[in-house]
PDB file of N, CA and C in Angstrom:
ATOM      1  N   MET A   1     -98.980 -46.693 165.541  1.00  0.00           N
ATOM      2  CA  MET A   1     -97.667 -46.121 165.986  1.00  0.00           C
ATOM      3  C   MET A   1     -96.482 -47.249 166.693  1.00  0.00           C
ATOM      4  N   TRP A   2     -97.256 -48.255 167.242  1.00  0.00           N
ATOM      5  CA  TRP A   2     -96.390 -49.459 167.522  1.00  0.00           C
ATOM      6  C   TRP A   2     -95.736 -50.035 166.637  1.00  0.00           C
ATOM      7  N   LEU A   3     -96.284 -50.399 165.438  1.00  0.00           N
ATOM      8  CA  LEU A   3     -95.854 -51.027 164.331  1.00  0.00           C
ATOM      9  C   LEU A   3     -94.894 -50.199 163.712  1.00  0.00           C
ATOM     10  N   GLN A   4     -94.987 -48.930 163.554  1.00  0.00           N
ATOM     11  CA  GLN A   4     -93.897 -48.114 163.103  1.00  0.00           C
ATOM     12  C   GLN A   4     -92.730 -47.973 163.658  1.00  0.00           C
ATOM     13  N   ARG A   5     -93.024 -48.285 165.177  1.00  0.00           N
ATOM     14  CA  ARG A   5     -91.810 -48.372 166.207  1.00  0.00           C
ATOM     15  C   ARG A   5     -90.957 -49.601 166.226  1.00  0.00           C
ATOM     16  N   LYS A   6     -91.692 -50.578 165.920  1.00  0.00           N
ATOM     17  CA  LYS A   6     -91.036 -51.858 165.790  1.00  0.00           C
ATOM     18  C   LYS A   6     -90.495 -51.991 164.373  1.00  0.00           C
ATOM     19  N   ARG A   7     -90.808 -51.315 163.469  1.00  0.00           N
ATOM     20  CA  ARG A   7     -90.391 -51.488 162.011  1.00  0.00           C
ATOM     21  C   ARG A   7     -89.035 -50.687 162.121  1.00  0.00           C
ATOM     22  N   ASN A   8     -88.857 -49.253 162.919  1.00  0.00           N
ATOM     23  CA  ASN A   8     -87.945 -48.718 162.951  1.00  0.00           C
ATOM     24  C   ASN A   8     -86.889 -49.304 163.656  1.00  0.00           C
ATOM     25  N   THR A   9     -86.902 -50.068 164.659  1.00  0.00           N
ATOM     26  CA  THR A   9     -86.191 -50.973 165.508  1.00  0.00           C
ATOM     27  C   THR A   9     -85.599 -52.008 164.566  1.00  0.00           C
ATOM     28  N   VAL A  10     -86.328 -52.784 163.974  1.00  0.00           N
ATOM     29  CA  VAL A  10     -85.949 -53.780 163.012  1.00  0.00           C
ATOM     30  C   VAL A  10     -85.034 -53.314 161.824  1.00  0.00           C
ATOM     31  N   GLN A  11     -85.349 -52.101 161.164  1.00  0.00           N
ATOM     32  CA  GLN A  11     -84.626 -51.438 160.159  1.00  0.00           C
ATOM     33  C   GLN A  11     -83.335 -51.088 160.710  1.00  0.00           C
ATOM     34  N   LEU A  12     -83.189 -50.371 161.819  1.00  0.00           N
ATOM     35  CA  LEU A  12     -81.750 -49.851 162.343  1.00  0.00           C
ATOM     36  C   LEU A  12     -81.031 -51.022 163.062  1.00  0.00           C
ATOM     37  N   LEU A  13     -81.458 -52.111 163.611  1.00  0.00           N
ATOM     38  CA  LEU A  13     -80.630 -52.886 164.245  1.00  0.00           C
ATOM     39  C   LEU A  13     -80.487 -54.227 163.386  1.00  0.00           C
ATOM     40  N   GLU A  14     -81.211 -54.638 162.366  1.00  0.00           N
ATOM     41  CA  GLU A  14     -81.280 -55.762 161.622  1.00  0.00           C
ATOM     42  C   GLU A  14     -81.572 -57.158 162.448  1.00  0.00           C
ATOM     43  N   LYS A  15     -82.297 -56.954 163.266  1.00  0.00           N
ATOM     44  CA  LYS A  15     -82.928 -58.136 164.198  1.00  0.00           C
ATOM     45  C   LYS A  15     -84.146 -58.094 164.682  1.00  0.00           C
ATOM     46  N   SER A  16     -84.905 -59.032 164.967  1.00  0.00           N
ATOM     47  CA  SER A  16     -86.023 -58.988 165.240  1.00  0.00           C
ATOM     48  C   SER A  16     -86.342 -58.037 166.607  1.00  0.00           C
ATOM     49  N   SER A  17     -87.622 -57.445 166.864  1.00  0.00           N
ATOM     50  CA  SER A  17     -87.754 -56.531 167.935  1.00  0.00           C
ATOM     51  C   SER A  17     -87.607 -57.205 169.086  1.00  0.00           C
ATOM     52  N   LEU A  18     -88.024 -58.586 169.214  1.00  0.00           N
ATOM     53  CA  LEU A  18     -87.952 -59.369 170.430  1.00  0.00           C
ATOM     54  C   LEU A  18     -86.688 -59.723 170.743  1.00  0.00           C
ATOM     55  N   ARG A  19     -85.851 -59.793 170.022  1.00  0.00           N
ATOM     56  CA  ARG A  19     -84.311 -60.302 170.147  1.00  0.00           C
ATOM     57  C   ARG A  19     -83.913 -58.997 170.984  1.00  0.00           C
ATOM     58  N   VAL A  20     -84.180 -57.755 170.107  1.00  0.00           N
ATOM     59  CA  VAL A  20     -83.553 -56.649 170.808  1.00  0.00           C
ATOM     60  C   VAL A  20     -84.126 -56.549 172.288  1.00  0.00           C
ATOM     61  N   SER A  21     -85.433 -56.778 172.578  1.00  0.00           N
ATOM     62  CA  SER A  21     -85.714 -56.693 173.971  1.00  0.00           C
ATOM     63  C   SER A  21     -85.081 -57.671 174.676  1.00  0.00           C
ATOM     64  N   ALA A  22     -84.801 -58.942 174.414  1.00  0.00           N
ATOM     65  CA  ALA A  22     -84.196 -60.024 175.241  1.00  0.00           C
ATOM     66  C   ALA A  22     -82.909 -59.455 175.486  1.00  0.00           C
ATOM     67  N   GLU A  23     -82.175 -59.058 174.434  1.00  0.00           N
ATOM     68  CA  GLU A  23     -80.760 -58.705 174.613  1.00  0.00           C
ATOM     69  C   GLU A  23     -80.711 -57.536 175.631  1.00  0.00           C
ATOM     70  N   LEU A  24     -81.356 -56.516 175.392  1.00  0.00           N
ATOM     71  CA  LEU A  24     -81.524 -55.341 176.504  1.00  0.00           C
ATOM     72  C   LEU A  24     -81.777 -55.848 177.942  1.00  0.00           C
ATOM     73  N   LYS A  25     -82.858 -56.687 177.708  1.00  0.00           N
ATOM     74  CA  LYS A  25     -83.200 -57.226 179.340  1.00  0.00           C
ATOM     75  C   LYS A  25     -81.929 -57.965 179.870  1.00  0.00           C
ATOM     76  N   ALA A  26     -81.313 -58.864 179.136  1.00  0.00           N
ATOM     77  CA  ALA A  26     -80.223 -59.787 179.625  1.00  0.00           C
ATOM     78  C   ALA A  26     -79.114 -58.612 180.203  1.00  0.00           C
ATOM     79  N   THR A  27     -78.732 -57.710 179.435  1.00  0.00           N
ATOM     80  CA  THR A  27     -77.578 -56.960 180.010  1.00  0.00           C
ATOM     81  C   THR A  27     -77.989 -55.691 180.621  1.00  0.00           C
ATOM     82  N   GLY A  28     -79.214 -55.555 180.907  1.00  0.00           N
ATOM     83  CA  GLY A  28     -79.773 -54.556 181.859  1.00  0.00           C
ATOM     84  C   GLY A  28     -79.846 -53.062 181.169  1.00  0.00           C
ATOM     85  N   GLN A  29     -79.874 -53.121 179.708  1.00  0.00           N
ATOM     86  CA  GLN A  29     -79.726 -52.030 179.211  1.00  0.00           C
ATOM     87  C   GLN A  29     -81.051 -51.417 178.721  1.00  0.00           C
ATOM     88  N   THR A  30     -81.244 -50.061 178.182  1.00  0.00           N
ATOM     89  CA  THR A  30     -82.445 -49.617 177.573  1.00  0.00           C
ATOM     90  C   THR A  30     -82.100 -49.044 176.229  1.00  0.00           C
ATOM     91  N   LEU A  31     -83.156 -48.879 175.538  1.00  0.00           N
ATOM     92  CA  LEU A  31     -83.191 -48.342 174.173  1.00  0.00           C
ATOM     93  C   LEU A  31     -82.690 -46.713 174.441  1.00  0.00           C
ATOM     94  N   GLU A  32     -83.409 -46.042 175.297  1.00  0.00           N
ATOM     95  CA  GLU A  32     -83.180 -44.613 175.363  1.00  0.00           C
ATOM     96  C   GLU A  32     -81.666 -44.427 176.157  1.00  0.00           C
ATOM     97  N   LYS A  33     -81.635 -45.041 177.190  1.00  0.00           N
ATOM     98  CA  LYS A  33     -80.267 -44.626 177.963  1.00  0.00           C
ATOM     99  C   LYS A  33     -79.087 -45.007 177.356  1.00  0.00           C
ATOM    100  N   ASP A  34     -79.165 -46.348 177.101  1.00  0.00           N
ATOM    101  CA  ASP A  34     -77.934 -46.924 176.459  1.00  0.00           C
ATOM    102  C   ASP A  34     -77.656 -46.793 175.132  1.00  0.00           C
ATOM    103  N   MET A  35     -78.765 -46.811 174.091  1.00  0.00           N
ATOM    104  CA  MET A  35     -78.586 -46.801 172.724  1.00  0.00           C
ATOM    105  C   MET A  35     -78.816 -45.549 172.397  1.00  0.00           C
ATOM    106  N   LEU A  36     -79.329 -44.537 173.001  1.00  0.00           N
ATOM    107  CA  LEU A  36     -79.429 -43.129 172.627  1.00  0.00           C
ATOM    108  C   LEU A  36     -80.824 -42.992 171.370  1.00  0.00           C
ATOM    109  N   LEU A  37     -81.604 -44.151 171.806  1.00  0.00           N
ATOM    110  CA  LEU A  37     -82.986 -44.073 170.793  1.00  0.00           C
ATOM    111  C   LEU A  37     -84.094 -43.398 171.351  1.00  0.00           C
ATOM    112  N   ASP A  38     -84.832 -42.627 170.559  1.00  0.00           N
ATOM    113  CA  ASP A  38     -86.046 -42.159 171.027  1.00  0.00           C
ATOM    114  C   ASP A  38     -86.864 -43.206 171.399  1.00  0.00           C
ATOM    115  N   PRO A  39     -87.354 -43.392 172.403  1.00  0.00           N
ATOM    116  CA  PRO A  39     -88.662 -44.398 172.642  1.00  0.00           C
ATOM    117  C   PRO A  39     -89.918 -43.986 171.927  1.00  0.00           C
ATOM    118  N   MET A  40     -90.205 -42.874 171.366  1.00  0.00           N
ATOM    119  CA  MET A  40     -91.342 -42.574 170.894  1.00  0.00           C
ATOM    120  C   MET A  40     -91.199 -43.171 169.498  1.00  0.00           C
ATOM    121  N   ARG A  41     -89.809 -43.330 168.964  1.00  0.00           N
ATOM    122  CA  ARG A  41     -89.575 -43.939 167.488  1.00  0.00           C
ATOM    123  C   ARG A  41     -89.173 -45.359 167.323  1.00  0.00           C
ATOM    124  N   TYR A  42     -88.825 -45.762 168.485  1.00  0.00           N
ATOM    125  CA  TYR A  42     -88.230 -47.323 168.441  1.00  0.00           C
ATOM    126  C   TYR A  42     -88.899 -48.060 169.596  1.00  0.00           C
ATOM    127  N   ALA A  43     -89.072 -49.393 169.317  1.00  0.00           N
ATOM    128  CA  ALA A  43     -89.796 -50.055 170.555  1.00  0.00           C
ATOM    129  C   ALA A  43     -88.819 -51.368 170.731  1.00  0.00           C
ATOM    130  N   ASP A  44     -88.511 -51.785 171.931  1.00  0.00           N
ATOM    131  CA  ASP A  44     -87.968 -52.847 172.304  1.00  0.00           C
ATOM    132  C   ASP A  44     -89.043 -54.113 172.790  1.00  0.00           C
ATOM    133  N   CYS A  45     -89.963 -54.488 171.881  1.00  0.00           N
ATOM    134  CA  CYS A  45     -90.825 -55.696 172.348  1.00  0.00           C
ATOM    135  C   CYS A  45     -91.308 -56.246 171.069  1.00  0.00           C
ATOM    136  N   GLY A  46     -91.418 -57.551 171.227  1.00  0.00           N
ATOM    137  CA  GLY A  46     -91.565 -58.524 170.215  1.00  0.00           C
ATOM    138  C   GLY A  46     -92.964 -58.105 169.095  1.00  0.00           C
ATOM    139  N   GLY A  47     -92.812 -58.486 167.822  1.00  0.00           N
ATOM    140  CA  GLY A  47     -93.852 -58.152 166.716  1.00  0.00           C
ATOM    141  C   GLY A  47     -93.162 -57.714 165.574  1.00  0.00           C
ATOM    142  N   GLY A  48     -91.980 -57.402 165.570  1.00  0.00           N
ATOM    143  CA  GLY A  48     -91.050 -56.901 164.219  1.00  0.00           C
ATOM    144  C   GLY A  48     -89.986 -57.792 163.920  1.00  0.00           C
ATOM    145  N   PHE A  49     -90.121 -58.144 162.630  1.00  0.00           N
ATOM    146  CA  PHE A  49     -88.992 -59.360 162.189  1.00  0.00           C
ATOM    147  C   PHE A  49     -88.775 -58.678 160.657  1.00  0.00           C
ATOM    148  N   PRO A  50     -87.207 -58.911 160.540  1.00  0.00           N
ATOM    149  CA  PRO A  50     -86.700 -58.456 159.459  1.00  0.00           C
ATOM    150  C   PRO A  50     -86.965 -59.847 158.313  1.00  0.00           C
ATOM    151  N   LEU A  51     -87.129 -59.393 157.146  1.00  0.00           N
ATOM    152  CA  LEU A  51     -87.124 -60.396 155.994  1.00  0.00           C
ATOM    153  C   LEU A  51     -85.486 -60.533 155.391  1.00  0.00           C
ATOM    154  N   ARG A  52     -84.937 -61.493 155.426  1.00  0.00           N
ATOM    155  CA  ARG A  52     -83.593 -61.569 155.021  1.00  0.00           C
ATOM    156  C   ARG A  52     -83.296 -62.622 153.776  1.00  0.00           C
ATOM    157  N   MET A  53     -82.601 -62.075 152.956  1.00  0.00           N
ATOM    158  CA  MET A  53     -82.117 -62.976 151.772  1.00  0.00           C
ATOM    159  C   MET A  53     -81.216 -64.076 152.241  1.00  0.00           C
ATOM    160  N   LYS A  54     -80.688 -65.199 151.568  1.00  0.00           N
ATOM    161  CA  LYS A  54     -79.828 -65.792 151.918  1.00  0.00           C
ATOM    162  C   LYS A  54     -78.559 -65.250 151.983  1.00  0.00           C
ATOM    163  N   ASN A  55     -78.275 -64.452 151.168  1.00  0.00           N
ATOM    164  CA  ASN A  55     -77.102 -63.706 151.197  1.00  0.00           C
ATOM    165  C   ASN A  55     -76.751 -62.696 152.464  1.00  0.00           C
ATOM    166  N   GLY A  56     -77.982 -62.595 153.172  1.00  0.00           N
ATOM    167  CA  GLY A  56     -77.925 -61.696 154.515  1.00  0.00           C
ATOM    168  C   GLY A  56     -78.665 -60.374 154.391  1.00  0.00           C
ATOM    169  N   CYS A  57     -78.995 -59.870 153.160  1.00  0.00           N
ATOM    170  CA  CYS A  57     -79.402 -58.688 152.816  1.00  0.00           C
ATOM    171  C   CYS A  57     -80.872 -58.768 153.303  1.00  0.00           C
ATOM    172  N   ILE A  58     -81.219 -57.553 154.047  1.00  0.00           N
ATOM    173  CA  ILE A  58     -82.647 -57.302 154.569  1.00  0.00           C
ATOM    174  C   ILE A  58     -83.253 -56.646 153.260  1.00  0.00           C
ATOM    175  N   PHE A  59     -84.460 -57.277 152.932  1.00  0.00           N
ATOM    176  CA  PHE A  59     -85.436 -56.694 151.693  1.00  0.00           C
ATOM    177  C   PHE A  59     -86.487 -56.428 152.178  1.00  0.00           C
ATOM    178  N   GLY A  60     -86.975 -56.453 153.621  1.00  0.00           N
ATOM    179  CA  GLY A  60     -88.400 -55.945 154.035  1.00  0.00           C
ATOM    180  C   GLY A  60     -88.283 -56.318 155.605  1.00  0.00           C
ATOM    181  N   PHE A  61     -89.838 -55.933 155.970  1.00  0.00           N
ATOM    182  CA  PHE A  61     -90.072 -56.204 157.234  1.00  0.00           C
ATOM    183  C   PHE A  61     -91.328 -56.660 157.376  1.00  0.00           C
ATOM    184  N   VAL A  62     -91.584 -57.597 158.510  1.00  0.00           N
ATOM    185  CA  VAL A  62     -93.041 -57.927 158.751  1.00  0.00           C
ATOM    186  C   VAL A  62     -93.290 -57.770 160.123  1.00  0.00           C
ATOM    187  N   GLY A  63     -94.560 -57.356 160.584  1.00  0.00           N
ATOM    188  CA  GLY A  63     -94.763 -56.828 161.854  1.00  0.00           C
ATOM    189  C   GLY A  63     -96.167 -57.020 162.223  1.00  0.00           C
ATOM    190  N   VAL A  64     -96.348 -57.449 163.397  1.00  0.00           N
ATOM    191  CA  VAL A  64     -97.757 -57.705 164.071  1.00  0.00           C
ATOM    192  C   VAL A  64     -97.722 -56.860 165.401  1.00  0.00           C
ATOM    193  N   SER A  65     -99.001 -56.198 165.587  1.00  0.00           N
ATOM    194  CA  SER A  65     -99.051 -55.465 166.880  1.00  0.00           C
ATOM    195  C   SER A  65    -100.538 -55.593 167.173  1.00  0.00           C
ATOM    196  N   GLY A  66    -100.633 -55.580 168.486  1.00  0.00           N
ATOM    197  CA  GLY A  66    -102.356 -55.367 169.241  1.00  0.00           C
ATOM    198  C   GLY A  66    -102.297 -56.407 170.401  1.00  0.00           C
ATOM    199  N   LEU A  67    -101.339 -57.461 170.632  1.00  0.00           N
ATOM    200  CA  LEU A  67    -101.481 -58.342 171.544  1.00  0.00           C
ATOM    201  C   LEU A  67    -100.198 -58.058 172.472  1.00  0.00           C
ATOM    202  N   ALA A  68    -100.119 -59.163 173.475  1.00  0.00           N
ATOM    203  CA  ALA A  68     -98.666 -59.018 174.281  1.00  0.00           C
ATOM    204  C   ALA A  68     -97.573 -59.324 173.542  1.00  0.00           C
ATOM    205  N   ASP A  69     -96.517 -58.745 173.583  1.00  0.00           N
ATOM    206  CA  ASP A  69     -95.500 -58.605 172.623  1.00  0.00           C
ATOM    207  C   ASP A  69     -94.962 -60.065 172.233  1.00  0.00           C
ATOM    208  N   THR A  70     -94.901 -60.905 173.272  1.00  0.00           N
ATOM    209  CA  THR A  70     -94.453 -62.530 173.026  1.00  0.00           C
ATOM    210  C   THR A  70     -95.751 -63.307 172.222  1.00  0.00           C
ATOM    211  N   VAL A  71     -96.869 -62.621 172.334  1.00  0.00           N
ATOM    212  CA  VAL A  71     -98.014 -63.383 171.305  1.00  0.00           C
ATOM    213  C   VAL A  71     -97.842 -62.808 169.985  1.00  0.00           C
ATOM    214  N   ASP A  72     -97.635 -61.395 169.688  1.00  0.00           N
ATOM    215  CA  ASP A  72     -97.360 -60.744 168.550  1.00  0.00           C
ATOM    216  C   ASP A  72     -96.217 -61.474 167.797  1.00  0.00           C
ATOM    217  N   HIS A  73     -95.072 -61.797 168.626  1.00  0.00           N
ATOM    218  CA  HIS A  73     -94.036 -62.503 167.880  1.00  0.00           C
ATOM    219  C   HIS A  73     -94.466 -63.921 167.623  1.00  0.00           C
ATOM    220  N   ALA A  74     -95.075 -64.538 168.290  1.00  0.00           N
ATOM    221  CA  ALA A  74     -95.512 -66.106 168.007  1.00  0.00           C
ATOM    222  C   ALA A  74     -96.523 -66.271 166.780  1.00  0.00           C
ATOM    223  N   ALA A  75     -97.465 -65.105 166.585  1.00  0.00           N
ATOM    224  CA  ALA A  75     -98.239 -65.062 165.718  1.00  0.00           C
ATOM    225  C   ALA A  75     -97.512 -64.788 164.350  1.00  0.00           C
ATOM    226  N   LEU A  76     -96.544 -63.914 164.297  1.00  0.00           N
ATOM    227  CA  LEU A  76     -95.869 -63.379 163.154  1.00  0.00           C
ATOM    228  C   LEU A  76     -94.970 -64.443 162.877  1.00  0.00           C
ATOM    229  N   ILE A  77     -94.284 -65.400 163.608  1.00  0.00           N
ATOM    230  CA  ILE A  77     -93.428 -66.620 163.283  1.00  0.00           C
ATOM    231  C   ILE A  77     -94.330 -67.622 162.802  1.00  0.00           C
ATOM    232  N   GLY A  78     -95.355 -67.721 163.356  1.00  0.00           N
ATOM    233  CA  GLY A  78     -96.147 -68.922 162.804  1.00  0.00           C
ATOM    234  C   GLY A  78     -96.831 -68.693 161.248  1.00  0.00           C
ATOM    235  N   GLY A  79     -97.097 -67.306 161.247  1.00  0.00           N
ATOM    236  CA  GLY A  79     -97.710 -66.873 159.972  1.00  0.00           C
ATOM    237  C   GLY A  79     -96.734 -67.005 158.995  1.00  0.00           C
ATOM    238  N   LEU A  80     -95.414 -66.628 158.991  1.00  0.00           N
ATOM    239  CA  LEU A  80     -94.136 -66.889 158.134  1.00  0.00           C
ATOM    240  C   LEU A  80     -93.820 -68.332 157.949  1.00  0.00           C
ATOM    241  N   ASP A  81     -93.955 -69.222 158.926  1.00  0.00           N
ATOM    242  CA  ASP A  81     -93.683 -70.445 158.809  1.00  0.00           C
ATOM    243  C   ASP A  81     -94.705 -71.206 157.943  1.00  0.00           C
ATOM    244  N   ARG A  82     -96.158 -70.709 158.219  1.00  0.00           N
ATOM    245  CA  ARG A  82     -96.967 -71.193 157.231  1.00  0.00           C
ATOM    246  C   ARG A  82     -96.734 -70.768 155.827  1.00  0.00           C
ATOM    247  N   PHE A  83     -96.590 -69.567 155.683  1.00  0.00           N
ATOM    248  CA  PHE A  83     -96.524 -69.263 154.513  1.00  0.00           C
ATOM    249  C   PHE A  83     -95.232 -69.747 153.596  1.00  0.00           C
ATOM    250  N   PHE A  84     -94.143 -69.855 154.118  1.00  0.00           N
ATOM    251  CA  PHE A  84     -92.999 -70.434 153.536  1.00  0.00           C
ATOM    252  C   PHE A  84     -93.038 -71.871 153.178  1.00  0.00           C
ATOM    253  N   CYS A  85     -93.473 -72.754 154.077  1.00  0.00           N
ATOM    254  CA  CYS A  85     -93.951 -73.982 154.163  1.00  0.00           C
ATOM    255  C   CYS A  85     -94.843 -74.296 152.834  1.00  0.00           C
ATOM    256  N   ARG A  86     -95.983 -73.465 152.865  1.00  0.00           N
ATOM    257  CA  ARG A  86     -96.998 -73.892 151.929  1.00  0.00           C
ATOM    258  C   ARG A  86     -96.504 -73.530 150.551  1.00  0.00           C
ATOM    259  N   HIS A  87     -95.471 -72.402 150.367  1.00  0.00           N
ATOM    260  CA  HIS A  87     -95.139 -72.211 148.968  1.00  0.00           C
ATOM    261  C   HIS A  87     -93.794 -72.934 148.687  1.00  0.00           C
ATOM    262  N   GLY A  88     -93.473 -73.814 149.721  1.00  0.00           N
ATOM    263  CA  GLY A  88     -92.329 -74.595 149.117  1.00  0.00           C
ATOM    264  C   GLY A  88     -91.005 -74.112 149.384  1.00  0.00           C
ATOM    265  N   TYR A  89     -90.850 -73.008 150.106  1.00  0.00           N
ATOM    266  CA  TYR A  89     -89.786 -72.426 150.222  1.00  0.00           C
ATOM    267  C   TYR A  89     -88.800 -73.019 151.519  1.00  0.00           C
ATOM    268  N   ILE A  90     -89.542 -74.008 152.325  1.00  0.00           N
ATOM    269  CA  ILE A  90     -88.860 -74.465 153.375  1.00  0.00           C
ATOM    270  C   ILE A  90     -88.954 -76.047 153.176  1.00  0.00           C
TER     271      ILE A  90
END
């Protein structure tokens, strides 16, 4: 369920779920009250990340769930970095 909620957030807002969380906290807003999003369908915590082409188009999503949200995000970014470096994309 958490992974699906993170995917929904990333897909709708086109940014990482941790970034959404940080932006909401910085402005004192919530997904439910200020963005009118159902908290049972969307999550404002780390672990969801959009896959974006150079032209800006999002073509996918990668997500991690099961740990603290910042640890989920760090594991996700570490895995992406390792994958892209190993395959010569970076």
